[in-house]
């Protein structure tokens, strides 16, 4: 190797290393910016369970269920039963006689990014349980006009059932409520409006 070629080779190698190092930092910077911009509901799963459980009696009373405080025990979330799903940043648990699934996606800090309620059974009891859980989940994050949430969720659910493959959404108090048919059943979701 001639000295001129060696110098050219070393310069090229150093330039390539500098370029690769700059790329690594830009990727790290982009990932950090993405993580910072990731919106969350601002609560941990245990805080959501507390809010959900507090709203259950009023949801049941609004649905004119007899003994709403007593009936709320059927649907209460047990914070000890909240556990990660089969994927790393997913939370799942089941409540009620119909075993309605409540799902959540988490960020790396363990805060909920979205909450979902999944209806897999077509029985009337399962549908009522789905609406109870969806309404209580929505009330956990939307403090005003709570009496309007159940009619809205019911309307979105009806439209989604009549329009398979389409996601029905509506923004309420900086939260996005949506209902869609997925392979597992009917999914209600609540997430921050972006």
Protein backbone atom coordinates (compact mmCIF):
# COMPACT_ATOMS: atom_id res chain seq x y z
CA UNK A 1 0.00 0.00 0.00
CA UNK A 2 1.46 3.34 -0.98
CA UNK A 3 1.51 6.15 1.61
CA UNK A 4 -0.91 8.24 -0.49
CA UNK A 5 -3.33 5.31 -0.84
CA UNK A 6 -3.00 4.53 2.89
CA UNK A 7 -3.81 8.16 3.75
CA UNK A 8 -6.79 8.13 1.37
CA UNK A 9 -7.98 4.81 2.82
CA UNK A 10 -7.68 6.06 6.42
CA UNK A 11 -9.48 9.32 5.50
CA UNK A 12 -12.28 7.38 3.84
CA UNK A 13 -12.57 5.02 6.80
CA UNK A 14 -12.69 7.90 9.29
CA UNK A 15 -15.31 9.69 7.17
CA UNK A 16 -17.42 6.53 7.08
CA UNK A 17 -17.11 6.11 10.87
CA UNK A 18 -18.08 9.76 11.42
CA UNK A 19 -21.07 9.33 9.09
CA UNK A 20 -22.19 6.16 10.85
CA UNK A 21 -21.81 7.80 14.27
CA UNK A 22 -23.89 10.76 13.10
CA UNK A 23 -26.56 8.39 11.78
CA UNK A 24 -26.71 6.58 15.11
CA UNK A 25 -27.22 9.86 16.98
CA UNK A 26 -29.91 11.03 14.59
CA UNK A 27 -31.77 7.73 15.00
CA UNK A 28 -31.45 8.02 18.78
CA UNK A 29 -32.67 11.61 18.62
CA UNK A 30 -35.63 10.63 16.44
CA UNK A 31 -36.55 7.79 18.80
CA UNK A 32 -36.32 10.13 21.80
CA UNK A 33 -38.50 12.72 20.04
CA UNK A 34 -41.04 10.03 19.14
CA UNK A 35 -41.16 8.77 22.74
CA UNK A 36 -41.60 12.32 24.05
CA UNK A 37 -44.43 13.01 21.58
CA UNK A 38 -46.23 9.77 22.44
CA UNK A 39 -49.52 10.75 24.04
CA UNK A 40 -50.87 8.89 27.02
CA UNK A 41 -53.97 8.98 29.16
CA UNK A 42 -51.67 10.01 32.01
CA UNK A 43 -52.49 7.18 34.42
CA UNK A 44 -51.11 3.80 35.33
CA UNK A 45 -53.29 0.67 35.10
CA UNK A 46 -53.85 0.73 38.88
CA UNK A 47 -55.03 4.35 38.76
CA UNK A 48 -57.34 3.45 35.86
CA UNK A 49 -58.74 0.53 37.90
CA UNK A 50 -59.51 2.92 40.78
CA UNK A 51 -61.25 5.41 38.46
CA UNK A 52 -63.14 2.65 36.63
CA UNK A 53 -64.40 1.15 39.90
CA UNK A 54 -65.49 4.56 41.22
CA UNK A 55 -67.61 5.20 38.10
CA UNK A 56 -69.35 1.80 37.99
CA UNK A 57 -72.19 2.55 40.46
CA UNK A 58 -73.16 5.77 38.65
CA UNK A 59 -73.02 4.01 35.26
CA UNK A 60 -75.31 1.26 36.57
CA UNK A 61 -77.64 3.80 38.21
CA UNK A 62 -77.89 5.71 34.91
CA UNK A 63 -78.75 2.40 33.20
CA UNK A 64 -81.50 1.96 35.83
CA UNK A 65 -80.01 -1.24 37.24
CA UNK A 66 -81.43 -2.18 40.65
CA UNK A 67 -78.95 -1.96 43.53
CA UNK A 68 -76.16 -0.34 41.47
CA UNK A 69 -73.65 -0.34 44.36
CA UNK A 70 -74.13 -4.07 44.88
CA UNK A 71 -74.17 -4.90 41.14
CA UNK A 72 -70.95 -2.90 40.61
CA UNK A 73 -69.10 -5.70 42.44
CA UNK A 74 -69.62 -7.93 39.37
CA UNK A 75 -67.62 -5.59 37.16
CA UNK A 76 -64.94 -4.19 39.46
CA UNK A 77 -61.37 -4.29 38.26
CA UNK A 78 -59.02 -5.99 40.70
CA UNK A 79 -55.69 -4.12 40.47
CA UNK A 80 -53.93 -7.33 41.56
CA UNK A 81 -55.28 -9.09 38.45
CA UNK A 82 -54.02 -6.47 36.01
CA UNK A 83 -51.15 -8.09 34.18
CA UNK A 84 -49.20 -7.66 30.96
CA UNK A 85 -50.63 -9.47 27.96
CA UNK A 86 -48.70 -11.73 25.66
CA UNK A 87 -47.03 -8.70 24.09
CA UNK A 88 -44.74 -6.48 26.12
CA UNK A 89 -46.70 -3.23 26.40
CA UNK A 90 -50.25 -4.57 26.56
CA UNK A 91 -52.52 -4.92 29.56
CA UNK A 92 -55.49 -7.25 29.69
CA UNK A 93 -58.04 -8.44 32.22
CA UNK A 94 -61.62 -9.75 32.22
CA UNK A 95 -64.61 -8.68 34.30
CA UNK A 96 -68.24 -9.65 34.80
CA UNK A 97 -70.25 -12.81 34.25
CA UNK A 98 -69.68 -12.64 30.47
CA UNK A 99 -65.94 -12.16 30.99
CA UNK A 100 -65.72 -8.90 29.03
CA UNK A 101 -62.10 -8.16 28.15
CA UNK A 102 -60.58 -4.81 29.10
CA UNK A 103 -57.40 -4.05 27.23
CA UNK A 104 -54.80 -1.34 27.40
CA UNK A 105 -51.62 -0.36 25.65
CA UNK A 106 -48.82 1.03 27.77
CA UNK A 107 -45.83 3.21 27.10
CA UNK A 108 -42.39 2.28 28.42
CA UNK A 109 -43.09 4.19 31.65
CA UNK A 110 -46.14 2.00 32.35
CA UNK A 111 -48.76 4.68 31.60
CA UNK A 112 -51.83 3.81 29.59
CA UNK A 113 -51.81 5.06 26.00
CA UNK A 114 -55.26 3.65 25.19
CA UNK A 115 -58.01 1.62 26.87
CA UNK A 116 -60.26 -0.84 25.08
CA UNK A 117 -63.30 -2.98 25.82
CA UNK A 118 -63.82 -6.07 23.66
CA UNK A 119 -67.19 -7.71 23.01
CA UNK A 120 -66.79 -11.29 21.81
CA UNK A 121 -70.18 -12.77 22.75
CA UNK A 122 -73.40 -11.73 20.94
CA UNK A 123 -75.78 -12.43 23.83
CA UNK A 124 -77.86 -9.53 25.21
CA UNK A 125 -76.21 -9.91 28.65
CA UNK A 126 -72.73 -9.67 27.09
CA UNK A 127 -73.77 -6.58 25.10
CA UNK A 128 -75.08 -4.90 28.26
CA UNK A 129 -71.85 -5.78 30.07
CA UNK A 130 -69.84 -4.33 27.14
CA UNK A 131 -71.78 -1.05 27.40
CA UNK A 132 -71.32 -0.90 31.19
CA UNK A 133 -67.57 -1.38 30.83
CA UNK A 134 -67.22 1.01 27.87
CA UNK A 135 -69.21 3.73 29.65
CA UNK A 136 -67.25 3.33 32.89
CA UNK A 137 -63.95 3.42 30.98
CA UNK A 138 -65.01 6.60 29.16
CA UNK A 139 -66.19 8.25 32.39
CA UNK A 140 -62.79 7.48 33.92
CA UNK A 141 -61.22 10.04 31.55
CA UNK A 142 -64.04 12.40 30.57
CA UNK A 143 -65.19 14.44 33.57
CA UNK A 144 -67.96 16.52 31.95
CA UNK A 145 -71.20 15.63 30.16
CA UNK A 146 -71.00 12.03 31.37
CA UNK A 147 -74.72 11.47 30.81
CA UNK A 148 -74.08 11.83 27.07
CA UNK A 149 -71.40 9.12 26.90
CA UNK A 150 -73.62 6.03 26.93
CA UNK A 151 -75.88 7.29 24.11
CA UNK A 152 -72.76 8.22 22.12
CA UNK A 153 -71.13 4.82 22.68
CA UNK A 154 -74.40 3.08 21.79
CA UNK A 155 -74.72 5.14 18.59
CA UNK A 156 -71.08 4.48 17.56
CA UNK A 157 -71.58 0.77 18.27
CA UNK A 158 -74.73 0.60 16.10
CA UNK A 159 -73.02 2.41 13.23
CA UNK A 160 -69.93 0.18 13.48
CA UNK A 161 -72.07 -2.97 13.42
CA UNK A 162 -73.78 -1.73 10.24
CA UNK A 163 -70.48 -0.74 8.60
CA UNK A 164 -67.99 -3.60 9.06
CA UNK A 165 -64.43 -2.63 8.29
CA UNK A 166 -64.92 1.02 9.24
CA UNK A 167 -63.86 2.65 12.47
CA UNK A 168 -66.49 5.00 13.94
CA UNK A 169 -64.90 7.79 16.01
CA UNK A 170 -65.87 10.92 17.86
CA UNK A 171 -63.79 13.34 19.95
CA UNK A 172 -65.07 14.26 23.40
CA UNK A 173 -63.12 16.48 25.82
CA UNK A 174 -59.71 15.84 24.24
CA UNK A 175 -60.34 12.08 24.13
CA UNK A 176 -61.06 10.05 21.02
CA UNK A 177 -63.75 7.39 21.41
CA UNK A 178 -64.00 4.80 18.66
CA UNK A 179 -65.79 1.55 17.90
CA UNK A 180 -64.91 -0.95 15.19
CA UNK A 181 -65.31 -4.59 14.29
CA UNK A 182 -62.04 -6.49 14.65
CA UNK A 183 -61.38 -10.22 14.07
CA UNK A 184 -61.95 -10.95 17.79
CA UNK A 185 -65.26 -9.08 18.01
CA UNK A 186 -66.41 -5.50 18.60
CA UNK A 187 -63.81 -3.15 20.06
CA UNK A 188 -64.46 0.12 21.89
CA UNK A 189 -61.36 2.27 22.39
CA UNK A 190 -60.54 5.46 24.21
CA UNK A 191 -57.29 7.32 23.63
CA UNK A 192 -56.03 10.90 23.76
CA UNK A 193 -56.98 12.98 20.75
CA UNK A 194 -53.83 13.83 18.81
